[in-house]
Amino acid sequence: MFKSKDIFVKVYSPNSQLVEFSVCLKNVPGAIAEVSNLLASLGVNIYSGFLNFYPGEDKGRWAFIAELKGVGVSAEDLASRIKGLRNVLEVDYMHAKFDSLLIDVMHFPLLVMGLRSFVFKVDTWGYIAAHLLKRFGSGGAVILYEMGLKAGEARAKEVVAEGFSGSLAFEVILEERVGLGWGIPKLIEFNEKNVEGSISVQDLFECLPFKGAANESRSHLFRGYLVGVIQQLFNKKVKVEEVECIAKGDQACLFKFG
């Protein structure tokens, strides 16, 4: 059911001529096809990129890395041809700075759901969390929990401001975790009146680095996040306990709250 999603950062291709194009287009049917048809007619292959088009906006952006080796057209000429298309508003391009490696430095800042963001690899998170827990013991766990608590409160307020509330807002926040790469949460049971239930999370990023290698649960940040979200949405103090954890060899992380 689930397919991986790779954030566009760089492309490595030995013995190539990589060029990145950033094309601003009218947000109308056929605009993307207009550009892709031109590229196909010239034999230009596309390796990676991203599309940003949103409802209600009159323009969007298509960025991509193209292979120009052996196609008989220069980057400057291709940019000019793209710019001449009916639905194209602007074209920028850049050549690979490193041999066979093009890193996207044309687009900054990184936005997620319209908000300034940055990316951690799961392994990087594991190094940080492991060091924090080793250095400060239970104090490190408290720090992670409190970080999650405040983050959960903040996100709950944002989602409410977007027009959601109660259990619907809770479901929105949980599903966002999939899109953001945190894991795959599933609400197993939920009594909204008593504000109690359980949530299973597959591949939780916080615990993945310790998968099968710990003798105790390793979710502190996400556990705090759940507390912050639930308390903010339902205005009731709750406790969240991780009763199963992939760090201990369980199939998924299981949280009970109430």
C-alpha atoms as a PDB file:
ATOM      1  CA  MET A   1       0.000   0.000   0.000  1.00  0.00           C
ATOM      2  CA  PHE A   2       2.676   2.497   0.989  1.00  0.00           C
ATOM      3  CA  LYS A   3       5.258   3.773  -1.503  1.00  0.00           C
ATOM      4  CA  SER A   4       8.455   5.550  -0.491  1.00  0.00           C
ATOM      5  CA  LYS A   5       8.807   9.289  -1.161  1.00  0.00           C
ATOM      6  CA  ASP A   6      12.279  10.662  -1.866  1.00  0.00           C
ATOM      7  CA  ILE A   7      12.846  14.372  -1.191  1.00  0.00           C
ATOM      8  CA  PHE A   8      14.675  15.940  -4.118  1.00  0.00           C
ATOM      9  CA  VAL A   9      18.173  16.925  -2.944  1.00  0.00           C
ATOM     10  CA  LYS A  10      20.769  15.674  -5.421  1.00  0.00           C
ATOM     11  CA  VAL A  11      21.467  13.406  -8.378  1.00  0.00           C
ATOM     12  CA  TYR A  12      24.693  11.506  -9.039  1.00  0.00           C
ATOM     13  CA  SER A  13      25.316  10.233 -12.568  1.00  0.00           C
ATOM     14  CA  PRO A  14      28.877   9.445 -13.791  1.00  0.00           C
ATOM     15  CA  ASN A  15      29.917  10.669 -17.237  1.00  0.00           C
ATOM     16  CA  SER A  16      26.893  12.888 -17.577  1.00  0.00           C
ATOM     17  CA  GLN A  17      25.956  16.502 -18.255  1.00  0.00           C
ATOM     18  CA  LEU A  18      23.499  17.362 -15.515  1.00  0.00           C
ATOM     19  CA  VAL A  19      21.593  20.638 -15.492  1.00  0.00           C
ATOM     20  CA  GLU A  20      18.864  21.725 -13.096  1.00  0.00           C
ATOM     21  CA  PHE A  21      15.931  23.755 -14.379  1.00  0.00           C
ATOM     22  CA  SER A  22      13.424  25.671 -12.265  1.00  0.00           C
ATOM     23  CA  VAL A  23      10.347  26.573 -14.291  1.00  0.00           C
ATOM     24  CA  CYS A  24       7.528  28.849 -13.133  1.00  0.00           C
ATOM     25  CA  LEU A  25       4.292  27.920 -14.922  1.00  0.00           C
ATOM     26  CA  LYS A  26       0.715  29.091 -15.096  1.00  0.00           C
ATOM     27  CA  ASN A  27      -1.490  26.872 -12.953  1.00  0.00           C
ATOM     28  CA  VAL A  28      -3.617  25.664 -15.859  1.00  0.00           C
ATOM     29  CA  PRO A  29      -4.292  22.279 -17.501  1.00  0.00           C
ATOM     30  CA  GLY A  30      -1.614  21.298 -19.987  1.00  0.00           C
ATOM     31  CA  ALA A  31       1.133  23.578 -18.672  1.00  0.00           C
ATOM     32  CA  ILE A  32       3.315  20.711 -17.446  1.00  0.00           C
ATOM     33  CA  ALA A  33       2.595  18.644 -20.556  1.00  0.00           C
ATOM     34  CA  GLU A  34       3.729  21.561 -22.707  1.00  0.00           C
ATOM     35  CA  VAL A  35       7.184  21.480 -21.121  1.00  0.00           C
ATOM     36  CA  SER A  36       7.467  17.688 -20.911  1.00  0.00           C
ATOM     37  CA  ASN A  37       6.488  17.305 -24.565  1.00  0.00           C
ATOM     38  CA  LEU A  38       9.270  19.692 -25.567  1.00  0.00           C
ATOM     39  CA  LEU A  39      11.807  17.758 -23.480  1.00  0.00           C
ATOM     40  CA  ALA A  40      10.659  14.449 -24.964  1.00  0.00           C
ATOM     41  CA  SER A  41      10.881  15.785 -28.518  1.00  0.00           C
ATOM     42  CA  LEU A  42      14.517  16.751 -27.900  1.00  0.00           C
ATOM     43  CA  GLY A  43      15.411  13.434 -26.240  1.00  0.00           C
ATOM     44  CA  VAL A  44      16.068  15.064 -22.852  1.00  0.00           C
ATOM     45  CA  ASN A  45      15.766  12.644 -19.925  1.00  0.00           C
ATOM     46  CA  ILE A  46      14.626  13.827 -16.487  1.00  0.00           C
ATOM     47  CA  TYR A  47      16.140  12.202 -13.387  1.00  0.00           C
ATOM     48  CA  SER A  48      14.477  13.882 -10.425  1.00  0.00           C
ATOM     49  CA  GLY A  49      12.579  16.969  -9.344  1.00  0.00           C
ATOM     50  CA  PHE A  50       9.471  18.337  -7.668  1.00  0.00           C
ATOM     51  CA  LEU A  51       6.150  19.984  -8.501  1.00  0.00           C
ATOM     52  CA  ASN A  52       4.529  22.717  -6.420  1.00  0.00           C
ATOM     53  CA  PHE A  53       1.045  23.686  -7.587  1.00  0.00           C
ATOM     54  CA  TYR A  54      -1.732  24.588  -5.141  1.00  0.00           C
ATOM     55  CA  PRO A  55      -5.499  25.183  -5.456  1.00  0.00           C
ATOM     56  CA  GLY A  56      -6.425  28.841  -5.790  1.00  0.00           C
ATOM     57  CA  GLU A  57      -2.959  29.989  -6.910  1.00  0.00           C
ATOM     58  CA  ASP A  58      -2.416  31.232 -10.455  1.00  0.00           C
ATOM     59  CA  LYS A  59       1.098  29.842 -10.849  1.00  0.00           C
ATOM     60  CA  GLY A  60       3.338  27.036  -9.649  1.00  0.00           C
ATOM     61  CA  ARG A  61       6.820  25.606 -10.051  1.00  0.00           C
ATOM     62  CA  TRP A  62       8.312  22.539 -11.685  1.00  0.00           C
ATOM     63  CA  ALA A  63      11.975  21.910 -10.913  1.00  0.00           C
ATOM     64  CA  PHE A  64      13.904  19.020 -12.419  1.00  0.00           C
ATOM     65  CA  ILE A  65      17.386  17.732 -13.181  1.00  0.00           C
ATOM     66  CA  ALA A  66      17.910  16.945 -16.855  1.00  0.00           C
ATOM     67  CA  GLU A  67      20.539  14.945 -18.729  1.00  0.00           C
ATOM     68  CA  LEU A  68      21.843  16.989 -21.659  1.00  0.00           C
ATOM     69  CA  LYS A  69      24.741  14.773 -22.719  1.00  0.00           C
ATOM     70  CA  GLY A  70      24.369  13.722 -26.340  1.00  0.00           C
ATOM     71  CA  VAL A  71      21.088  15.538 -27.016  1.00  0.00           C
ATOM     72  CA  GLY A  72      22.579  18.324 -29.111  1.00  0.00           C
ATOM     73  CA  VAL A  73      21.067  21.216 -27.189  1.00  0.00           C
ATOM     74  CA  SER A  74      22.764  23.498 -24.665  1.00  0.00           C
ATOM     75  CA  ALA A  75      21.288  24.468 -21.313  1.00  0.00           C
ATOM     76  CA  GLU A  76      20.963  28.058 -22.484  1.00  0.00           C
ATOM     77  CA  ASP A  77      19.160  27.038 -25.669  1.00  0.00           C
ATOM     78  CA  LEU A  78      16.848  24.666 -23.822  1.00  0.00           C
ATOM     79  CA  ALA A  79      15.990  27.338 -21.255  1.00  0.00           C
ATOM     80  CA  SER A  80      15.181  29.723 -24.097  1.00  0.00           C
ATOM     81  CA  ARG A  81      12.919  27.175 -25.774  1.00  0.00           C
ATOM     82  CA  ILE A  82      11.102  26.437 -22.529  1.00  0.00           C
ATOM     83  CA  LYS A  83      10.680  30.165 -21.850  1.00  0.00           C
ATOM     84  CA  GLY A  84       9.032  30.550 -25.262  1.00  0.00           C
ATOM     85  CA  LEU A  85       6.186  28.193 -24.393  1.00  0.00           C
ATOM     86  CA  ARG A  86       2.747  29.706 -23.908  1.00  0.00           C
ATOM     87  CA  ASN A  87       2.228  28.778 -20.247  1.00  0.00           C
ATOM     88  CA  VAL A  88       5.784  29.378 -19.007  1.00  0.00           C
ATOM     89  CA  LEU A  89       6.399  32.519 -16.944  1.00  0.00           C
ATOM     90  CA  GLU A  90      10.040  32.145 -15.891  1.00  0.00           C
ATOM     91  CA  VAL A  91      12.985  29.772 -16.312  1.00  0.00           C
ATOM     92  CA  ASP A  92      16.212  29.498 -14.311  1.00  0.00           C
ATOM     93  CA  TYR A  93      18.908  26.851 -14.620  1.00  0.00           C
ATOM     94  CA  MET A  94      22.252  25.815 -13.160  1.00  0.00           C
ATOM     95  CA  HIS A  95      24.988  23.353 -14.116  1.00  0.00           C
ATOM     96  CA  ALA A  96      26.406  20.701 -11.787  1.00  0.00           C
ATOM     97  CA  LYS A  97      29.121  22.224  -9.613  1.00  0.00           C
ATOM     98  CA  PHE A  98      30.763  18.865  -8.943  1.00  0.00           C
ATOM     99  CA  ASP A  99      31.722  16.260 -11.521  1.00  0.00           C
ATOM    100  CA  SER A 100      28.739  13.936 -12.099  1.00  0.00           C
ATOM    101  CA  LEU A 101      26.973  15.297  -8.996  1.00  0.00           C
ATOM    102  CA  LEU A 102      24.299  17.994  -8.968  1.00  0.00           C
ATOM    103  CA  ILE A 103      23.029  19.236  -5.613  1.00  0.00           C
ATOM    104  CA  ASP A 104      19.901  21.370  -5.531  1.00  0.00           C
ATOM    105  CA  VAL A 105      21.001  24.748  -4.174  1.00  0.00           C
ATOM    106  CA  MET A 106      18.488  26.700  -6.254  1.00  0.00           C
ATOM    107  CA  HIS A 107      15.566  26.205  -3.888  1.00  0.00           C
ATOM    108  CA  PHE A 108      15.607  27.462  -0.305  1.00  0.00           C
ATOM    109  CA  PRO A 109      14.121  27.459   2.270  1.00  0.00           C
ATOM    110  CA  LEU A 110      12.633  23.972   2.474  1.00  0.00           C
ATOM    111  CA  LEU A 111       8.915  24.165   3.226  1.00  0.00           C
ATOM    112  CA  VAL A 112       6.666  21.419   4.548  1.00  0.00           C
ATOM    113  CA  MET A 113       2.943  22.214   4.508  1.00  0.00           C
ATOM    114  CA  GLY A 114       3.986  25.793   3.818  1.00  0.00           C
ATOM    115  CA  LEU A 115       6.178  26.042   6.931  1.00  0.00           C
ATOM    116  CA  ARG A 116       9.964  26.440   7.110  1.00  0.00           C
ATOM    117  CA  SER A 117      11.446  23.016   7.841  1.00  0.00           C
ATOM    118  CA  PHE A 118      14.630  20.970   7.890  1.00  0.00           C
ATOM    119  CA  VAL A 119      15.355  17.271   7.510  1.00  0.00           C
ATOM    120  CA  PHE A 120      17.051  14.811   9.869  1.00  0.00           C
ATOM    121  CA  LYS A 121      18.013  11.321   8.721  1.00  0.00           C
ATOM    122  CA  VAL A 122      16.664   8.652  11.057  1.00  0.00           C
ATOM    123  CA  ASP A 123      20.232   7.515  11.757  1.00  0.00           C
ATOM    124  CA  THR A 124      21.205  11.069  12.714  1.00  0.00           C
ATOM    125  CA  TRP A 125      18.287  11.201  15.121  1.00  0.00           C
ATOM    126  CA  GLY A 126      19.440   7.887  16.575  1.00  0.00           C
ATOM    127  CA  TYR A 127      22.945   9.213  17.254  1.00  0.00           C
ATOM    128  CA  ILE A 128      21.533  12.302  18.971  1.00  0.00           C
ATOM    129  CA  ALA A 129      18.994  10.420  21.090  1.00  0.00           C
ATOM    130  CA  ALA A 130      21.460   7.690  22.069  1.00  0.00           C
ATOM    131  CA  HIS A 131      24.044  10.254  23.169  1.00  0.00           C
ATOM    132  CA  LEU A 132      21.460  12.276  25.093  1.00  0.00           C
ATOM    133  CA  LEU A 133      20.204   9.206  26.952  1.00  0.00           C
ATOM    134  CA  LYS A 134      23.724   7.953  27.640  1.00  0.00           C
ATOM    135  CA  ARG A 135      24.926  11.346  28.848  1.00  0.00           C
ATOM    136  CA  PHE A 136      21.909  12.316  30.978  1.00  0.00           C
ATOM    137  CA  GLY A 137      20.068   9.038  31.608  1.00  0.00           C
ATOM    138  CA  SER A 138      16.468   9.560  32.709  1.00  0.00           C
ATOM    139  CA  GLY A 139      17.083  13.302  32.482  1.00  0.00           C
ATOM    140  CA  GLY A 140      17.650  12.905  28.753  1.00  0.00           C
ATOM    141  CA  ALA A 141      14.355  11.055  28.439  1.00  0.00           C
ATOM    142  CA  VAL A 142      12.594  13.908  30.239  1.00  0.00           C
ATOM    143  CA  ILE A 143      14.144  16.451  27.872  1.00  0.00           C
ATOM    144  CA  LEU A 144      12.914  14.509  24.834  1.00  0.00           C
ATOM    145  CA  TYR A 145       9.462  14.115  26.380  1.00  0.00           C
ATOM    146  CA  GLU A 146       9.147  17.832  27.121  1.00  0.00           C
ATOM    147  CA  MET A 147      10.294  18.697  23.587  1.00  0.00           C
ATOM    148  CA  GLY A 148       7.573  16.454  22.193  1.00  0.00           C
ATOM    149  CA  LEU A 149       4.969  17.828  24.594  1.00  0.00           C
ATOM    150  CA  LYS A 150       5.446  21.419  23.442  1.00  0.00           C
ATOM    151  CA  ALA A 151       5.625  20.415  19.778  1.00  0.00           C
ATOM    152  CA  GLY A 152       2.357  18.485  20.113  1.00  0.00           C
ATOM    153  CA  GLU A 153       0.601  21.404  21.792  1.00  0.00           C
ATOM    154  CA  ALA A 154       1.788  23.752  19.057  1.00  0.00           C
ATOM    155  CA  ARG A 155       0.645  21.495  16.211  1.00  0.00           C
ATOM    156  CA  ALA A 156      -2.757  20.961  17.815  1.00  0.00           C
ATOM    157  CA  LYS A 157      -3.268  24.737  18.006  1.00  0.00           C
ATOM    158  CA  GLU A 158      -2.284  25.087  14.334  1.00  0.00           C
ATOM    159  CA  VAL A 159      -4.691  22.378  13.191  1.00  0.00           C
ATOM    160  CA  VAL A 160      -7.536  23.919  15.199  1.00  0.00           C
ATOM    161  CA  ALA A 161      -6.740  27.265  13.558  1.00  0.00           C
ATOM    162  CA  GLU A 162      -7.095  25.495  10.195  1.00  0.00           C
ATOM    163  CA  GLY A 163     -10.720  24.693  11.066  1.00  0.00           C
ATOM    164  CA  PHE A 164     -10.518  21.209  12.585  1.00  0.00           C
ATOM    165  CA  SER A 165     -11.410  20.193  16.130  1.00  0.00           C
ATOM    166  CA  GLY A 166     -11.807  17.225  18.452  1.00  0.00           C
ATOM    167  CA  SER A 167     -11.404  13.715  17.087  1.00  0.00           C
ATOM    168  CA  LEU A 168     -11.212  14.960  13.483  1.00  0.00           C
ATOM    169  CA  ALA A 169      -8.250  17.184  14.337  1.00  0.00           C
ATOM    170  CA  PHE A 170      -6.667  14.213  16.114  1.00  0.00           C
ATOM    171  CA  GLU A 171      -7.022  12.054  12.992  1.00  0.00           C
ATOM    172  CA  VAL A 172      -5.577  14.823  10.802  1.00  0.00           C
ATOM    173  CA  ILE A 173      -2.497  15.120  13.013  1.00  0.00           C
ATOM    174  CA  LEU A 174      -1.962  11.357  13.077  1.00  0.00           C
ATOM    175  CA  GLU A 175      -2.237  11.075   9.290  1.00  0.00           C
ATOM    176  CA  GLU A 176       0.177  13.976   8.854  1.00  0.00           C
ATOM    177  CA  ARG A 177       2.797  11.852  10.637  1.00  0.00           C
ATOM    178  CA  VAL A 178       2.739   9.468   7.654  1.00  0.00           C
ATOM    179  CA  GLY A 179       3.339  12.258   5.150  1.00  0.00           C
ATOM    180  CA  LEU A 180       6.107  13.683   7.325  1.00  0.00           C
ATOM    181  CA  GLY A 181       7.870  10.339   7.637  1.00  0.00           C
ATOM    182  CA  TRP A 182       7.435   9.899  11.387  1.00  0.00           C
ATOM    183  CA  GLY A 183       5.780   6.495  11.070  1.00  0.00           C
ATOM    184  CA  ILE A 184       2.421   4.900  10.292  1.00  0.00           C
ATOM    185  CA  PRO A 185       0.044   5.508  13.204  1.00  0.00           C
ATOM    186  CA  LYS A 186      -3.281   3.748  13.560  1.00  0.00           C
ATOM    187  CA  LEU A 187      -5.909   4.602  16.137  1.00  0.00           C
ATOM    188  CA  ILE A 188      -6.790   1.176  17.532  1.00  0.00           C
ATOM    189  CA  GLU A 189      -9.450   2.323  19.973  1.00  0.00           C
ATOM    190  CA  PHE A 190     -10.657   5.714  21.169  1.00  0.00           C
ATOM    191  CA  ASN A 191     -13.264   6.766  23.709  1.00  0.00           C
ATOM    192  CA  GLU A 192     -13.608  10.488  23.070  1.00  0.00           C
ATOM    193  CA  LYS A 193     -15.861  11.049  26.081  1.00  0.00           C
ATOM    194  CA  ASN A 194     -13.283   9.657  28.515  1.00  0.00           C
ATOM    195  CA  VAL A 195     -10.309  10.650  26.327  1.00  0.00           C
ATOM    196  CA  GLU A 196      -8.694   7.243  26.443  1.00  0.00           C
ATOM    197  CA  GLY A 197      -7.568   4.721  23.880  1.00  0.00           C
ATOM    198  CA  SER A 198      -4.589   3.189  22.123  1.00  0.00           C
ATOM    199  CA  ILE A 199      -2.472   3.941  19.068  1.00  0.00           C
ATOM    200  CA  SER A 200      -0.206   1.592  17.128  1.00  0.00           C
ATOM    201  CA  VAL A 201       2.680   3.070  15.135  1.00  0.00           C
ATOM    202  CA  GLN A 202       4.663   1.112  12.557  1.00  0.00           C
ATOM    203  CA  ASP A 203       8.258   2.157  11.818  1.00  0.00           C
ATOM    204  CA  LEU A 204       8.309   5.019  14.323  1.00  0.00           C
ATOM    205  CA  PHE A 205      11.404   7.077  13.469  1.00  0.00           C
ATOM    206  CA  GLU A 206      12.302   7.620  17.113  1.00  0.00           C
ATOM    207  CA  CYS A 207      12.647   3.902  17.828  1.00  0.00           C
ATOM    208  CA  LEU A 208      13.904   2.577  14.482  1.00  0.00           C
ATOM    209  CA  PRO A 209      17.605   3.219  15.266  1.00  0.00           C
ATOM    210  CA  PHE A 210      17.289   0.920  18.299  1.00  0.00           C
ATOM    211  CA  LYS A 211      15.159  -1.774  16.638  1.00  0.00           C
ATOM    212  CA  GLY A 212      15.473  -5.049  18.525  1.00  0.00           C
ATOM    213  CA  ALA A 213      18.477  -3.800  20.487  1.00  0.00           C
ATOM    214  CA  ALA A 214      16.939  -2.386  23.685  1.00  0.00           C
ATOM    215  CA  ASN A 215      15.340  -3.892  26.760  1.00  0.00           C
ATOM    216  CA  GLU A 216      12.983  -0.980  27.351  1.00  0.00           C
ATOM    217  CA  SER A 217      10.733   1.302  25.314  1.00  0.00           C
ATOM    218  CA  ARG A 218      12.569   4.110  23.515  1.00  0.00           C
ATOM    219  CA  SER A 219       9.828   6.557  22.570  1.00  0.00           C
ATOM    220  CA  HIS A 220      10.015   9.711  24.643  1.00  0.00           C
ATOM    221  CA  LEU A 221       9.627  12.514  22.108  1.00  0.00           C
ATOM    222  CA  PHE A 222       6.613  10.998  20.329  1.00  0.00           C
ATOM    223  CA  ARG A 223       5.036   9.944  23.624  1.00  0.00           C
ATOM    224  CA  GLY A 224       5.291  13.564  24.765  1.00  0.00           C
ATOM    225  CA  TYR A 225       3.969  14.710  21.397  1.00  0.00           C
ATOM    226  CA  LEU A 226       0.847  12.597  21.860  1.00  0.00           C
ATOM    227  CA  VAL A 227       0.301  14.024  25.332  1.00  0.00           C
ATOM    228  CA  GLY A 228       0.611  17.576  24.007  1.00  0.00           C
ATOM    229  CA  VAL A 229      -1.785  16.935  21.122  1.00  0.00           C
ATOM    230  CA  ILE A 230      -4.421  15.110  23.179  1.00  0.00           C
ATOM    231  CA  GLN A 231      -4.417  17.547  26.089  1.00  0.00           C
ATOM    232  CA  GLN A 232      -4.625  20.548  23.786  1.00  0.00           C
ATOM    233  CA  LEU A 233      -7.455  19.123  21.668  1.00  0.00           C
ATOM    234  CA  PHE A 234      -9.596  17.650  24.442  1.00  0.00           C
ATOM    235  CA  ASN A 235      -8.685  19.923  27.370  1.00  0.00           C
ATOM    236  CA  LYS A 236      -7.984  17.044  29.721  1.00  0.00           C
ATOM    237  CA  LYS A 237      -4.812  15.849  31.421  1.00  0.00           C
ATOM    238  CA  VAL A 238      -3.713  12.447  30.163  1.00  0.00           C
ATOM    239  CA  LYS A 239      -0.855  10.006  30.530  1.00  0.00           C
ATOM    240  CA  VAL A 240       0.614   8.124  27.590  1.00  0.00           C
ATOM    241  CA  GLU A 241       2.495   4.858  28.071  1.00  0.00           C
ATOM    242  CA  GLU A 242       4.396   2.951  25.401  1.00  0.00           C
ATOM    243  CA  VAL A 243       3.532  -0.653  26.223  1.00  0.00           C
ATOM    244  CA  GLU A 244       5.113  -2.213  23.126  1.00  0.00           C
ATOM    245  CA  CYS A 245       8.131  -0.968  21.186  1.00  0.00           C
ATOM    246  CA  ILE A 246      10.092  -2.076  18.135  1.00  0.00           C
ATOM    247  CA  ALA A 247      13.243  -1.281  20.108  1.00  0.00           C
ATOM    248  CA  LYS A 248      12.322  -4.236  22.338  1.00  0.00           C
ATOM    249  CA  GLY A 249      11.569  -6.496  19.395  1.00  0.00           C
ATOM    250  CA  ASP A 250       7.820  -5.893  19.127  1.00  0.00           C
ATOM    251  CA  GLN A 251       6.181  -5.651  15.703  1.00  0.00           C
ATOM    252  CA  ALA A 252       5.109  -2.038  16.266  1.00  0.00           C
ATOM    253  CA  CYS A 253       5.089   0.636  18.933  1.00  0.00           C
ATOM    254  CA  LEU A 254       1.859   0.606  20.933  1.00  0.00           C
ATOM    255  CA  PHE A 255       0.757   3.567  23.040  1.00  0.00           C
ATOM    256  CA  LYS A 256      -2.072   3.574  25.565  1.00  0.00           C
ATOM    257  CA  PHE A 257      -3.473   6.868  26.818  1.00  0.00           C
ATOM    258  CA  GLY A 258      -6.033   8.018  29.345  1.00  0.00           C
END
